[in-house]
Amino acid sequence: MAVLVVIAHPDKNSFTQQWAKESIRGARNLEHEVIVSDLYAMKFDPIEKADHYNFTCPKNHFDVLRTQEFHSQKNSLPKEVLTELEKINKCELIIFHFPIWWFSPPAALKGWMERVFVNGATHDTTYRFDRGKLKNKGAQFCVTMGASKQESSFNGKEADIEMLLWPMAYTLKYLGMDVLPHKIINSVHSYHTDNRKIEIEKSLKAELQNQLRFIQNFYQVEPFKFNKDTDFSNDGVLKESVLSHSPFIRHSK
């Protein structure tokens, strides 16, 4: 299969980048075709704006959805966006490598999604969620964060990492993708000293060595559960008889 590895970290020597290299190496060892989008190395502009287009819709107003839809239909999207769309259409699995900064993915990655997940090309009002245009594709997050596992747990001071990642995961679900359980590595920062530094470096090295097995087990992993389209009323509200699969979509108390 074809695997797209999306990397969002500016430092080539960072653990995030080293981890991404192991994903690339592991996928190639399994004889998968590997495609890479290293956002910082590409100098990908993450800001969606009228300057990217020679024509906006309406003409004197930049309506993002309508402009993207128009250029998607005319096959006149920005060249760098078309390149990324070709990668997405070709792959069967996307592995996202990124750190958590200020309780969310880096702006470079969020902006890439805003520009590349084009209205008309990857979704529209008809083809989304269960009928999403990117159905039968998988996605997996490989995330680094400075907080400890305890701090980033459901009752941790740094907030529940699963909930922090939910908006990005739900974006992919909106497009129809299967979102696989995240792989999260905690306590990744440069402030460790003495024995703790030795311990962390040993642990991180072991994680890199495990990446081949992680990718190898892709087909055996059950994706996250999200509420289906049929779980909602015609008004888009979760039916009372249906179980909620997320604190973000829930029944009233």
Foldseek 3Di string as FASTA:
>chain_A
DEEEEEEEDQDCPALLNLLSVLLVVLCVVVVHHYHYHDLNVVVDDLDDDPVQDPAAVPRVDHDQQVRLQVCLVVVNGRPVLVVVLVSLVPDQEYEYGAEQDPLAGDSSVVSNCSRNCTNNSQDHPVQWQQNAPSANHEYEYEYEYQADPQQQPCPHVSHPNVVSCVVVVVSVNRNRYFYFYYHYDYNRDDPDDDPRVVVSVVVSVVVSVCSSVVVVCVVVTDGQDQDGPVQADPVRAGDPVDDGRDPVHDDDD
